[in-house]
Structures are given as structure tokens and as C-alpha cells.
N, C-alpha and C. Protein backbone atom coordinates (compact mmCIF):
# COMPACT_ATOMS: atom_id res chain seq x y z
N MET A 1 116.55 88.74 40.93
CA MET A 1 117.50 88.61 39.79
C MET A 1 116.98 88.34 38.52
N HIS A 2 117.84 88.54 37.87
CA HIS A 2 117.68 88.73 36.07
C HIS A 2 118.10 87.59 35.41
N ALA A 3 117.79 86.58 34.56
CA ALA A 3 117.72 85.85 33.76
C ALA A 3 118.13 86.10 32.40
N LEU A 4 119.33 85.47 31.25
CA LEU A 4 119.57 85.57 30.43
C LEU A 4 119.04 84.09 29.85
N LEU A 5 118.06 83.83 28.56
CA LEU A 5 118.06 82.37 28.40
C LEU A 5 118.75 82.55 26.97
N VAL A 6 118.82 82.13 26.89
CA VAL A 6 119.89 82.05 25.34
C VAL A 6 119.04 80.50 24.95
N ILE A 7 118.35 80.81 23.63
CA ILE A 7 117.17 79.79 23.32
C ILE A 7 117.85 79.06 21.68
N ASP A 8 118.25 77.73 21.74
CA ASP A 8 118.74 76.93 20.85
C ASP A 8 120.01 77.00 19.54
N VAL A 9 120.50 78.02 20.10
CA VAL A 9 122.03 78.79 19.48
C VAL A 9 122.66 77.50 19.04
N GLN A 10 121.92 76.82 18.42
CA GLN A 10 122.61 75.23 18.26
C GLN A 10 122.99 75.05 16.44
N ASN A 11 124.07 74.32 16.05
CA ASN A 11 124.78 74.01 14.88
C ASN A 11 123.82 74.12 13.61
N ASP A 12 122.26 72.73 14.10
CA ASP A 12 121.41 72.82 13.30
C ASP A 12 120.39 73.66 13.00
N PHE A 13 120.44 74.94 13.77
CA PHE A 13 119.44 76.47 13.32
C PHE A 13 120.26 77.19 12.80
N CYS A 14 122.19 77.33 12.72
CA CYS A 14 122.88 78.19 12.14
C CYS A 14 122.73 77.95 10.15
N PRO A 15 123.62 78.43 9.98
CA PRO A 15 123.99 78.32 8.19
C PRO A 15 124.42 76.79 7.81
N GLY A 16 124.28 76.60 7.20
CA GLY A 16 124.81 75.08 6.95
C GLY A 16 123.99 73.78 7.82
N GLY A 17 123.35 74.57 8.86
CA GLY A 17 122.35 73.10 9.61
C GLY A 17 121.33 72.79 8.80
N ALA A 18 120.56 71.78 9.93
CA ALA A 18 119.37 70.97 9.07
C ALA A 18 118.40 71.67 8.80
N LEU A 19 118.04 72.51 9.98
CA LEU A 19 117.53 73.53 10.30
C LEU A 19 117.73 75.04 9.31
N ALA A 20 118.42 75.47 9.40
CA ALA A 20 119.42 76.58 9.31
C ALA A 20 118.21 77.68 8.92
N VAL A 21 118.29 78.92 10.49
CA VAL A 21 118.12 79.69 10.62
C VAL A 21 119.38 81.49 9.94
N ALA A 22 117.93 82.39 8.74
CA ALA A 22 119.25 82.89 8.05
C ALA A 22 119.27 83.71 8.81
N GLY A 23 120.84 83.70 8.95
CA GLY A 23 121.64 84.70 9.85
C GLY A 23 121.88 84.70 11.06
N GLY A 24 121.72 83.27 11.40
CA GLY A 24 121.46 82.48 13.05
C GLY A 24 123.01 82.19 13.63
N ASN A 25 123.67 82.60 13.08
CA ASN A 25 125.30 82.51 13.31
C ASN A 25 125.20 84.02 13.43
N GLU A 26 125.03 85.09 13.11
CA GLU A 26 125.45 86.43 13.66
C GLU A 26 124.60 86.97 14.67
N ILE A 27 124.19 86.46 15.86
CA ILE A 27 123.38 86.79 16.91
C ILE A 27 124.94 86.09 18.17
N VAL A 28 125.96 85.24 17.62
CA VAL A 28 126.38 84.43 18.54
C VAL A 28 126.84 85.34 19.48
N GLN A 29 127.84 86.30 19.18
CA GLN A 29 128.53 87.42 19.74
C GLN A 29 128.29 88.20 20.42
N GLY A 30 127.39 88.96 19.92
CA GLY A 30 126.26 89.56 20.74
C GLY A 30 125.62 89.14 21.82
N ILE A 31 125.24 87.67 22.17
CA ILE A 31 124.84 87.17 22.51
C ILE A 31 125.59 87.15 24.13
N ASN A 32 126.92 86.20 23.45
CA ASN A 32 128.24 86.41 24.49
C ASN A 32 128.79 88.01 25.20
N GLY A 33 127.84 88.88 24.26
CA GLY A 33 128.36 90.13 25.52
C GLY A 33 127.58 90.64 26.08
N ILE A 34 126.95 90.44 26.25
CA ILE A 34 125.43 90.55 27.17
C ILE A 34 125.73 89.28 28.41
N MET A 35 125.97 88.48 28.57
CA MET A 35 125.80 87.36 29.01
C MET A 35 126.51 88.04 30.69
N PRO A 36 127.81 89.05 30.77
CA PRO A 36 127.92 88.83 32.65
C PRO A 36 126.95 89.91 32.75
N GLU A 37 125.92 90.52 31.80
CA GLU A 37 125.32 91.59 32.34
C GLU A 37 123.96 90.71 33.26
N PHE A 38 123.65 89.42 33.10
CA PHE A 38 123.06 88.74 33.52
C PHE A 38 123.20 87.98 35.25
N GLY A 39 122.45 88.05 36.01
CA GLY A 39 122.49 86.93 37.18
C GLY A 39 122.74 85.55 36.91
N ALA A 40 122.19 85.50 36.18
CA ALA A 40 122.15 83.42 35.50
C ALA A 40 121.84 83.52 34.22
N VAL A 41 122.85 82.69 33.23
CA VAL A 41 122.61 82.56 32.01
C VAL A 41 122.18 81.10 32.25
N ILE A 42 121.37 80.85 31.14
CA ILE A 42 120.32 79.33 30.89
C ILE A 42 120.39 79.34 29.76
N LEU A 43 120.89 78.14 29.61
CA LEU A 43 120.68 77.78 27.83
C LEU A 43 119.81 76.03 27.16
N SER A 44 118.51 76.73 26.67
CA SER A 44 117.63 75.39 26.28
C SER A 44 118.53 74.90 24.76
N GLN A 45 118.53 73.66 24.77
CA GLN A 45 118.98 72.89 23.76
C GLN A 45 118.14 71.96 23.18
N ASP A 46 117.61 71.95 22.03
CA ASP A 46 116.66 71.07 21.05
C ASP A 46 117.10 69.28 21.17
N TRP A 47 117.16 68.50 21.96
CA TRP A 47 117.95 67.36 21.65
C TRP A 47 116.41 66.55 21.34
N HIS A 48 116.49 65.92 19.55
CA HIS A 48 115.92 65.33 19.89
C HIS A 48 116.42 63.58 19.30
N PRO A 49 115.74 62.41 20.28
CA PRO A 49 116.24 60.82 19.60
C PRO A 49 115.91 61.01 17.98
N ALA A 50 116.72 59.63 17.52
CA ALA A 50 116.68 60.09 15.83
C ALA A 50 115.01 59.09 16.21
N GLY A 51 114.34 59.65 14.94
CA GLY A 51 112.43 58.85 14.75
C GLY A 51 112.39 59.91 15.37
N HIS A 52 112.41 60.65 15.09
CA HIS A 52 111.38 61.67 16.65
C HIS A 52 110.71 61.69 15.70
N SER A 53 108.73 62.12 16.35
CA SER A 53 107.51 62.26 15.67
C SER A 53 107.09 63.75 14.78
N SER A 54 107.94 64.53 15.64
CA SER A 54 108.27 65.66 14.62
C SER A 54 108.59 65.82 13.20
N PHE A 55 109.80 65.24 13.07
CA PHE A 55 110.22 64.87 11.61
C PHE A 55 109.48 64.58 10.58
N ALA A 56 109.54 64.83 9.52
CA ALA A 56 108.41 64.62 8.17
C ALA A 56 109.43 63.72 8.18
N SER A 57 110.17 63.16 7.80
CA SER A 57 111.16 61.72 7.60
C SER A 57 110.11 60.06 8.63
N SER A 58 109.86 60.98 9.41
CA SER A 58 108.75 59.38 10.00
C SER A 58 107.76 59.35 9.75
N HIS A 59 107.13 60.04 8.93
CA HIS A 59 106.02 60.52 8.59
C HIS A 59 105.33 59.88 6.82
N ASP A 60 105.02 58.80 6.85
CA ASP A 60 104.84 58.22 5.04
C ASP A 60 104.31 59.28 4.24
N GLY A 61 104.50 59.85 3.47
CA GLY A 61 104.67 60.51 2.00
C GLY A 61 105.06 62.10 3.14
N ALA A 62 105.24 62.35 3.73
CA ALA A 62 105.12 63.67 4.34
C ALA A 62 106.60 64.87 3.75
N SER A 63 106.34 65.70 3.45
CA SER A 63 107.46 66.66 3.34
C SER A 63 107.60 67.53 4.71
N PRO A 64 108.90 67.74 4.72
CA PRO A 64 109.26 68.78 5.64
C PRO A 64 108.36 69.96 5.33
N TYR A 65 107.95 70.89 6.75
CA TYR A 65 107.28 72.18 6.38
C TYR A 65 105.67 71.71 6.58
N ASP A 66 105.13 70.13 6.36
CA ASP A 66 103.58 69.90 5.87
C ASP A 66 103.30 69.90 7.71
N LEU A 67 102.22 70.12 7.92
CA LEU A 67 101.05 70.28 9.27
C LEU A 67 100.24 69.12 9.26
N THR A 68 100.41 68.85 10.10
CA THR A 68 99.95 67.22 10.47
C THR A 68 99.17 67.51 12.02
N GLN A 69 98.50 66.98 12.39
CA GLN A 69 97.54 66.29 13.52
C GLN A 69 97.94 65.79 14.93
N MET A 70 98.23 66.19 15.92
CA MET A 70 99.19 65.57 16.84
C MET A 70 98.36 65.31 18.17
N PRO A 71 98.62 64.04 19.16
CA PRO A 71 97.67 64.11 19.92
C PRO A 71 97.34 65.21 20.62
N TYR A 72 98.15 66.52 20.94
CA TYR A 72 98.18 67.88 21.84
C TYR A 72 98.05 68.96 20.62
N GLY A 73 97.54 68.37 19.15
CA GLY A 73 97.05 69.43 18.55
C GLY A 73 97.96 69.64 17.63
N PRO A 74 98.07 70.80 16.79
CA PRO A 74 98.39 70.82 15.52
C PRO A 74 99.98 71.16 15.32
N GLN A 75 101.03 70.27 14.49
CA GLN A 75 102.60 70.26 14.27
C GLN A 75 102.93 70.55 13.04
N VAL A 76 103.96 71.40 12.96
CA VAL A 76 104.93 71.64 11.85
C VAL A 76 105.66 70.48 11.91
N LEU A 77 105.88 69.62 10.78
CA LEU A 77 106.60 68.48 10.45
C LEU A 77 107.97 69.32 9.85
N TRP A 78 109.09 68.83 10.50
CA TRP A 78 110.62 69.59 10.64
C TRP A 78 111.57 68.53 9.75
N PRO A 79 112.55 69.13 8.60
CA PRO A 79 113.20 67.91 8.33
C PRO A 79 114.29 67.51 9.96
N ASP A 80 115.27 66.37 9.79
CA ASP A 80 115.38 65.57 10.96
C ASP A 80 116.31 66.38 11.38
N HIS A 81 116.62 67.57 12.90
CA HIS A 81 117.24 67.69 13.26
C HIS A 81 117.83 67.49 14.31
N CYS A 82 118.57 68.19 15.06
CA CYS A 82 119.10 68.35 16.89
C CYS A 82 118.72 67.02 17.02
N ILE A 83 119.71 66.17 16.60
CA ILE A 83 119.74 63.99 16.83
C ILE A 83 120.36 64.33 17.69
N GLN A 84 120.22 63.73 19.19
CA GLN A 84 120.93 63.83 20.50
C GLN A 84 122.57 63.21 20.21
N GLY A 85 123.61 63.74 20.51
CA GLY A 85 124.73 63.66 20.50
C GLY A 85 125.36 63.70 19.07
N SER A 86 124.59 64.76 18.18
CA SER A 86 125.27 64.79 16.88
C SER A 86 125.79 66.28 16.52
N GLY A 87 126.72 66.86 15.41
CA GLY A 87 127.32 67.97 15.77
C GLY A 87 126.23 68.42 15.26
N GLY A 88 125.30 68.15 14.87
CA GLY A 88 123.53 69.64 14.40
C GLY A 88 123.29 69.54 15.84
N ALA A 89 123.52 68.88 17.11
CA ALA A 89 122.36 68.79 18.04
C ALA A 89 123.34 70.10 19.36
N ALA A 90 124.76 70.21 19.20
CA ALA A 90 126.34 70.88 19.79
C ALA A 90 125.54 72.33 19.54
N PHE A 91 125.93 73.33 20.50
CA PHE A 91 125.78 74.60 20.42
C PHE A 91 126.62 74.62 19.72
N HIS A 92 126.58 76.16 18.58
CA HIS A 92 127.44 76.62 18.06
C HIS A 92 128.73 76.96 18.76
N ASP A 93 130.19 76.64 17.97
CA ASP A 93 130.83 76.87 18.29
C ASP A 93 131.39 78.07 19.19
N ASP A 94 131.02 78.82 18.21
CA ASP A 94 131.39 80.44 19.13
C ASP A 94 130.87 80.66 20.20
N LEU A 95 129.73 79.99 21.18
CA LEU A 95 129.06 80.19 21.84
C LEU A 95 129.48 79.83 23.33
N LEU A 96 129.79 81.12 23.99
CA LEU A 96 130.21 80.32 25.53
C LEU A 96 129.49 79.81 26.02
N GLU A 97 129.10 78.45 25.70
CA GLU A 97 128.74 77.45 26.77
C GLU A 97 129.16 77.48 28.15
N GLY A 98 130.12 77.69 28.40
CA GLY A 98 131.08 76.90 29.52
C GLY A 98 130.59 78.20 30.68
N ARG A 99 129.30 79.58 30.64
CA ARG A 99 128.75 80.75 30.84
C ARG A 99 127.87 80.28 31.68
N ALA A 100 127.08 79.03 30.77
CA ALA A 100 125.97 78.97 31.45
C ALA A 100 125.80 78.02 32.93
N ASP A 101 124.73 78.38 33.42
CA ASP A 101 124.70 78.19 34.94
C ASP A 101 123.95 76.91 34.85
N LEU A 102 122.82 76.28 33.55
CA LEU A 102 121.99 75.58 33.59
C LEU A 102 121.56 75.50 32.20
N ILE A 103 121.57 73.82 31.39
CA ILE A 103 121.33 73.95 30.24
C ILE A 103 120.28 72.72 30.71
N VAL A 104 119.25 73.38 29.56
CA VAL A 104 117.65 72.56 29.70
C VAL A 104 117.72 71.72 27.70
N ARG A 105 117.27 70.97 28.63
CA ARG A 105 117.29 70.07 27.08
C ARG A 105 115.75 69.60 26.71
N LYS A 106 115.21 69.91 25.57
CA LYS A 106 114.30 69.84 25.30
C LYS A 106 113.36 68.56 24.27
N GLY A 107 112.62 68.44 23.96
CA GLY A 107 111.98 67.32 22.79
C GLY A 107 112.81 65.88 22.68
N PHE A 108 112.89 65.65 24.49
CA PHE A 108 113.87 64.58 23.73
C PHE A 108 112.40 63.45 24.25
N ASN A 109 110.87 63.75 24.01
CA ASN A 109 110.19 62.54 24.23
C ASN A 109 109.94 62.53 22.90
N PRO A 110 109.78 61.18 22.32
CA PRO A 110 110.08 60.85 20.65
C PRO A 110 108.54 60.98 20.65
N ALA A 111 107.61 61.08 21.49
CA ALA A 111 106.23 61.32 21.38
C ALA A 111 105.77 62.53 21.07
N ILE A 112 106.08 63.68 21.17
CA ILE A 112 106.19 64.83 21.16
C ILE A 112 106.96 66.23 21.14
N ASP A 113 106.90 67.27 20.36
CA ASP A 113 107.72 68.00 20.43
C ASP A 113 107.86 68.61 21.26
N SER A 114 109.05 69.59 21.34
CA SER A 114 109.03 70.82 22.50
C SER A 114 109.58 71.85 22.20
N TYR A 115 108.64 72.87 21.91
CA TYR A 115 109.30 74.44 21.09
C TYR A 115 109.77 75.42 22.47
N SER A 116 108.94 75.66 23.57
CA SER A 116 109.08 76.21 24.96
C SER A 116 110.35 75.71 25.25
N ALA A 117 111.07 76.29 26.00
CA ALA A 117 111.91 76.23 27.43
C ALA A 117 111.51 75.53 28.48
N PHE A 118 110.08 75.78 29.06
CA PHE A 118 109.31 75.55 30.08
C PHE A 118 108.31 74.30 30.13
N PHE A 119 107.59 74.02 28.36
CA PHE A 119 106.58 73.27 28.56
C PHE A 119 106.80 72.35 27.51
N GLU A 120 106.31 71.39 27.44
CA GLU A 120 106.32 70.54 25.62
C GLU A 120 105.14 71.08 24.93
N ASN A 121 105.25 70.26 24.31
CA ASN A 121 103.83 71.21 22.89
C ASN A 121 102.96 70.56 23.56
N ASP A 122 102.46 70.18 24.64
CA ASP A 122 101.09 69.78 25.30
C ASP A 122 100.81 71.19 26.06
N HIS A 123 101.71 71.95 26.46
CA HIS A 123 101.86 72.78 27.41
C HIS A 123 101.40 72.49 28.32
N SER A 124 101.97 71.15 28.74
CA SER A 124 101.39 70.73 30.17
C SER A 124 102.54 70.02 31.02
N THR A 125 103.43 69.68 30.36
CA THR A 125 104.57 69.08 30.72
C THR A 125 105.61 69.25 30.72
N PRO A 126 105.83 69.78 32.35
CA PRO A 126 106.85 71.16 32.57
C PRO A 126 108.75 69.76 32.28
N THR A 127 108.96 71.77 31.83
CA THR A 127 110.62 70.89 31.79
C THR A 127 111.67 70.91 32.98
N GLY A 128 110.92 71.69 34.01
CA GLY A 128 111.58 71.67 34.87
C GLY A 128 112.70 73.16 35.35
N LEU A 129 112.56 73.58 34.05
CA LEU A 129 112.97 75.32 34.04
C LEU A 129 111.60 76.25 35.21
N GLU A 130 111.18 76.23 35.16
CA GLU A 130 109.66 77.09 35.99
C GLU A 130 111.11 76.85 37.40
N GLY A 131 110.76 75.68 38.21
CA GLY A 131 110.94 75.45 39.13
C GLY A 131 112.02 75.50 39.73
N TYR A 132 113.49 75.46 38.89
CA TYR A 132 114.69 76.17 38.74
C TYR A 132 114.68 77.62 38.73
N LEU A 133 113.95 78.41 38.08
CA LEU A 133 114.16 79.70 38.47
C LEU A 133 113.51 80.27 40.20
N HIS A 134 112.30 79.65 40.01
CA HIS A 134 111.95 80.43 41.04
C HIS A 134 113.08 79.97 42.43
N THR A 135 113.41 78.62 42.52
CA THR A 135 114.21 78.40 43.88
C THR A 135 115.57 79.22 43.72
N ARG A 136 116.01 79.93 42.39
CA ARG A 136 117.30 80.62 42.95
C ARG A 136 116.71 82.24 42.73
N GLY A 137 115.36 82.20 42.98
CA GLY A 137 114.74 83.95 42.95
C GLY A 137 114.85 84.58 41.46
N ILE A 138 114.74 84.08 40.68
CA ILE A 138 114.67 84.94 39.57
C ILE A 138 113.35 85.44 39.54
N THR A 139 113.57 86.52 38.52
CA THR A 139 111.54 87.28 38.85
C THR A 139 111.95 87.19 37.09
N GLN A 140 112.96 88.08 36.94
CA GLN A 140 112.57 88.71 35.71
C GLN A 140 114.31 87.74 34.66
N VAL A 141 113.30 87.93 33.00
CA VAL A 141 113.82 87.04 32.15
C VAL A 141 114.36 87.32 31.56
N THR A 142 115.13 88.18 29.99
CA THR A 142 115.36 88.45 28.72
C THR A 142 115.72 87.58 27.95
N LEU A 143 114.61 87.33 26.93
CA LEU A 143 115.22 86.06 26.07
C LEU A 143 115.81 86.53 24.79
N VAL A 144 116.51 84.93 24.26
CA VAL A 144 117.86 85.66 22.97
C VAL A 144 117.47 84.81 21.95
N GLY A 145 118.09 83.71 21.31
CA GLY A 145 117.76 83.52 20.00
C GLY A 145 117.61 82.35 18.83
N LEU A 146 117.18 81.55 19.01
CA LEU A 146 116.47 80.99 17.66
C LEU A 146 115.25 79.89 17.87
N ALA A 147 114.54 79.69 16.92
CA ALA A 147 114.35 81.00 16.03
C ALA A 147 112.98 81.66 16.86
N LEU A 148 113.28 83.06 16.72
CA LEU A 148 112.17 84.19 17.32
C LEU A 148 110.87 83.63 16.90
N ASP A 149 109.79 83.13 15.95
CA ASP A 149 109.11 82.96 15.88
C ASP A 149 108.48 81.43 16.34
N PHE A 150 109.65 80.53 16.45
CA PHE A 150 108.87 78.97 17.26
C PHE A 150 109.27 78.98 18.55
N CYS A 151 110.65 79.01 18.66
CA CYS A 151 111.35 78.28 20.67
C CYS A 151 111.06 79.64 21.19
N VAL A 152 111.86 81.07 20.85
CA VAL A 152 112.14 81.99 21.71
C VAL A 152 110.68 82.34 21.88
N ASN A 153 109.96 82.16 21.01
CA ASN A 153 108.22 83.13 20.79
C ASN A 153 107.64 81.83 22.06
N PHE A 154 107.06 80.85 22.09
CA PHE A 154 107.03 79.79 22.94
C PHE A 154 107.41 79.97 24.06
N SER A 155 108.93 80.32 24.10
CA SER A 155 110.03 79.97 25.82
C SER A 155 108.88 81.42 25.82
N ALA A 156 108.67 82.61 25.96
CA ALA A 156 108.49 84.12 26.06
C ALA A 156 107.32 83.94 26.45
N VAL A 157 106.30 83.27 25.83
CA VAL A 157 104.85 83.46 25.88
C VAL A 157 104.75 82.64 27.27
N ASP A 158 104.76 81.41 27.72
CA ASP A 158 105.13 80.51 28.29
C ASP A 158 105.33 81.07 29.82
N ALA A 159 106.98 81.93 29.54
CA ALA A 159 107.38 82.32 30.85
C ALA A 159 106.30 83.55 31.51
N ALA A 160 105.97 84.37 30.71
CA ALA A 160 105.03 85.75 31.07
C ALA A 160 103.77 85.37 31.50
N LYS A 161 103.33 83.87 31.09
CA LYS A 161 102.01 83.61 31.53
C LYS A 161 102.56 82.85 33.18
N LEU A 162 103.62 82.47 33.36
CA LEU A 162 103.87 81.79 34.39
C LEU A 162 104.38 83.08 35.42
N GLY A 163 103.97 84.41 35.16
CA GLY A 163 104.39 85.38 35.85
C GLY A 163 105.59 85.90 36.10
N PHE A 164 106.67 85.75 35.06
CA PHE A 164 107.47 86.53 34.65
C PHE A 164 107.72 87.95 34.49
N ASP A 165 108.85 88.29 34.81
CA ASP A 165 109.16 89.84 34.00
C ASP A 165 109.68 89.32 32.44
N VAL A 166 109.42 89.35 31.80
CA VAL A 166 109.82 88.61 30.26
C VAL A 166 110.11 89.94 29.21
N THR A 167 111.47 90.05 28.81
CA THR A 167 111.95 90.82 27.70
C THR A 167 112.28 90.00 26.27
N VAL A 168 112.07 90.42 25.56
CA VAL A 168 113.20 89.38 23.84
C VAL A 168 113.48 90.76 23.47
N ARG A 169 114.71 90.30 23.37
CA ARG A 169 115.81 90.97 22.30
C ARG A 169 115.78 91.19 20.93
N GLN A 170 115.01 91.61 20.33
CA GLN A 170 115.20 90.93 18.31
C GLN A 170 115.92 91.04 17.80
N ASP A 171 116.75 92.05 18.34
CA ASP A 171 118.45 92.19 17.78
C ASP A 171 119.25 90.82 18.26
N LEU A 172 118.58 89.71 18.90
CA LEU A 172 119.63 89.01 19.53
C LEU A 172 118.70 87.52 19.06
N CYS A 173 118.10 87.86 18.00
CA CYS A 173 117.32 86.69 17.55
C CYS A 173 117.42 86.65 16.20
N ARG A 174 116.73 85.40 15.40
CA ARG A 174 116.35 85.45 14.09
C ARG A 174 115.10 84.49 13.95
N ALA A 175 114.44 84.47 12.78
CA ALA A 175 113.42 83.75 12.34
C ALA A 175 113.24 82.94 11.68
N ILE A 176 112.47 82.43 11.38
CA ILE A 176 112.56 81.57 9.94
C ILE A 176 111.32 81.49 9.29
N ASP A 177 110.22 82.11 9.74
CA ASP A 177 109.42 83.04 9.34
C ASP A 177 108.54 82.04 7.97
N LEU A 178 107.81 81.37 8.76
CA LEU A 178 106.95 79.58 7.70
C LEU A 178 105.17 80.67 7.94
N ASP A 179 105.29 81.02 6.23
CA ASP A 179 103.84 81.70 6.33
C ASP A 179 103.03 82.06 6.81
N GLY A 180 104.11 83.52 7.27
CA GLY A 180 103.77 84.61 8.55
C GLY A 180 103.76 84.32 9.58
N SER A 181 104.49 83.23 9.92
CA SER A 181 104.74 82.79 11.85
C SER A 181 105.12 84.09 12.37
N LEU A 182 106.19 85.01 11.72
CA LEU A 182 106.90 86.02 12.45
C LEU A 182 105.90 86.98 13.32
N ASP A 183 105.14 87.82 12.09
CA ASP A 183 104.12 88.54 12.77
C ASP A 183 103.03 88.04 13.46
N GLY A 184 102.65 86.48 13.11
CA GLY A 184 101.93 85.98 14.69
C GLY A 184 102.43 86.07 15.83
N ALA A 185 103.96 85.52 15.37
CA ALA A 185 104.50 85.65 16.80
C ALA A 185 104.52 86.73 17.78
N LEU A 186 104.93 87.38 17.15
CA LEU A 186 105.37 88.98 17.72
C LEU A 186 104.33 89.74 18.41
N ALA A 187 102.80 88.97 17.40
CA ALA A 187 101.63 89.85 18.09
C ALA A 187 101.43 88.89 19.52
N GLY A 188 101.39 87.64 19.08
CA GLY A 188 100.79 86.95 20.63
C GLY A 188 102.06 87.17 21.71
N MET A 189 103.54 87.55 21.23
CA MET A 189 104.58 87.52 22.39
C MET A 189 103.75 89.18 23.34
N THR A 190 103.26 89.94 22.54
CA THR A 190 103.09 91.77 22.54
C THR A 190 101.75 91.00 23.48
N ALA A 191 100.78 90.22 22.74
CA ALA A 191 99.57 90.01 23.54
C ALA A 191 99.56 89.50 24.77
N ALA A 192 100.54 88.82 25.10
CA ALA A 192 100.86 88.05 26.60
C ALA A 192 101.77 88.74 27.16
N GLY A 193 102.06 90.08 27.04
CA GLY A 193 102.67 91.36 27.70
C GLY A 193 104.36 91.08 28.04
N VAL A 194 104.71 90.57 27.07
CA VAL A 194 106.34 91.06 26.58
C VAL A 194 106.53 92.06 26.02
N THR A 195 108.05 92.36 26.29
CA THR A 195 108.29 93.35 26.03
C THR A 195 109.57 92.99 24.92
N LEU A 196 109.24 93.63 23.69
CA LEU A 196 110.00 93.78 22.82
C LEU A 196 111.01 94.53 22.50
N ILE A 197 112.14 94.51 22.77
CA ILE A 197 112.92 94.84 21.94
C ILE A 197 114.45 95.60 21.16
């Protein structure tokens, strides 16, 4: 079976949001349009507690987009975003959320960020998505959403490492492109065996 993974199409990642990705709202109708083509639709949702350790506001003297070291490795410090239960954490109003078979929430552990829909940023603590896909008999995944160079990238690479056949629809993603992060992500996904279309 082939599943569509819709990554973090949330208000805070769309224009006007706390961590807006340019053009993030432009992909919503296209994502809705391809949902019927897949045997399963899974949405991921950034879901941070207030004061999360990945927020610049949680570190004295830090600014958004600074890089810091966490016990699990380097971490970009972000503006406060996708706080649990907030309007910013909600899915974009036009996204057909009701079509989802499953919603995977990530980043809820205050001590560790989670870009990938499969693992937290320590690359070892699972979200449970892998097990769900296997029990549903899903072997192929197509990823769309926000942002291409962070959460889509990490999710796609992890899916490929876990043995899934992975495609990323670049036309249905938008990127942050922080200090060359887009080129690095595209190269990393290609090296991991992800098909970019």
C-alpha cells in the first residue's frame, strides 16, 4: 500500500504564523487534491509545550535561528511556535484534516526537538509511525508539506533508512532555506535514496 505523509501543514508554518514558510499556504489545495490517490493519509503535527528547549526564548541571550548544542547534537533555536492547543499549532483551515487515517504529534517532549515524523532529534526515540505503517502493510510513502529542508527532509531520510520506498513531491512542499539548508537537504535526500519529483 502507498501512503501520503502530510508534514506539518500548520498555521504557524504558513504566512502570518510564528515560523512562516514563504508560500506555505500555496500547497494546501494541491495536497487535498491528491489525497484520494493514496491508500492511507497520515498527517504530522508539531506539538510543543510552552517553554520548549528548542525555542530561543528558553535560552538567555539567544536569538531565533541561533545554533546551540543539545545533548543529542546541534539544534537550531526557533521562534516559539506550534504550542499545544494554540491556533498556530492547528492545521491550516483549508487542509482536509478529516481525510487523515492518523495524526502523529511530535516535539511534545520539552527536552528534545522532533523534526522527523518517525524519530525525535536523537534519531533513536520513535514516534510509533514506523510500526503503524508496517501493520497497515504500507511499503511506499510520498511526502508533502512544510518545511522541505527540515521536517520533510528528516522524515523522508528516516523513512528511506527504515526501508520504505520514498518519494517527495517538491511542488507540494515549501522550504525555509536557512544558510543553504535547502541544497543540503536535497543532496541528503538524494543520497539516502529518496526520489525527488
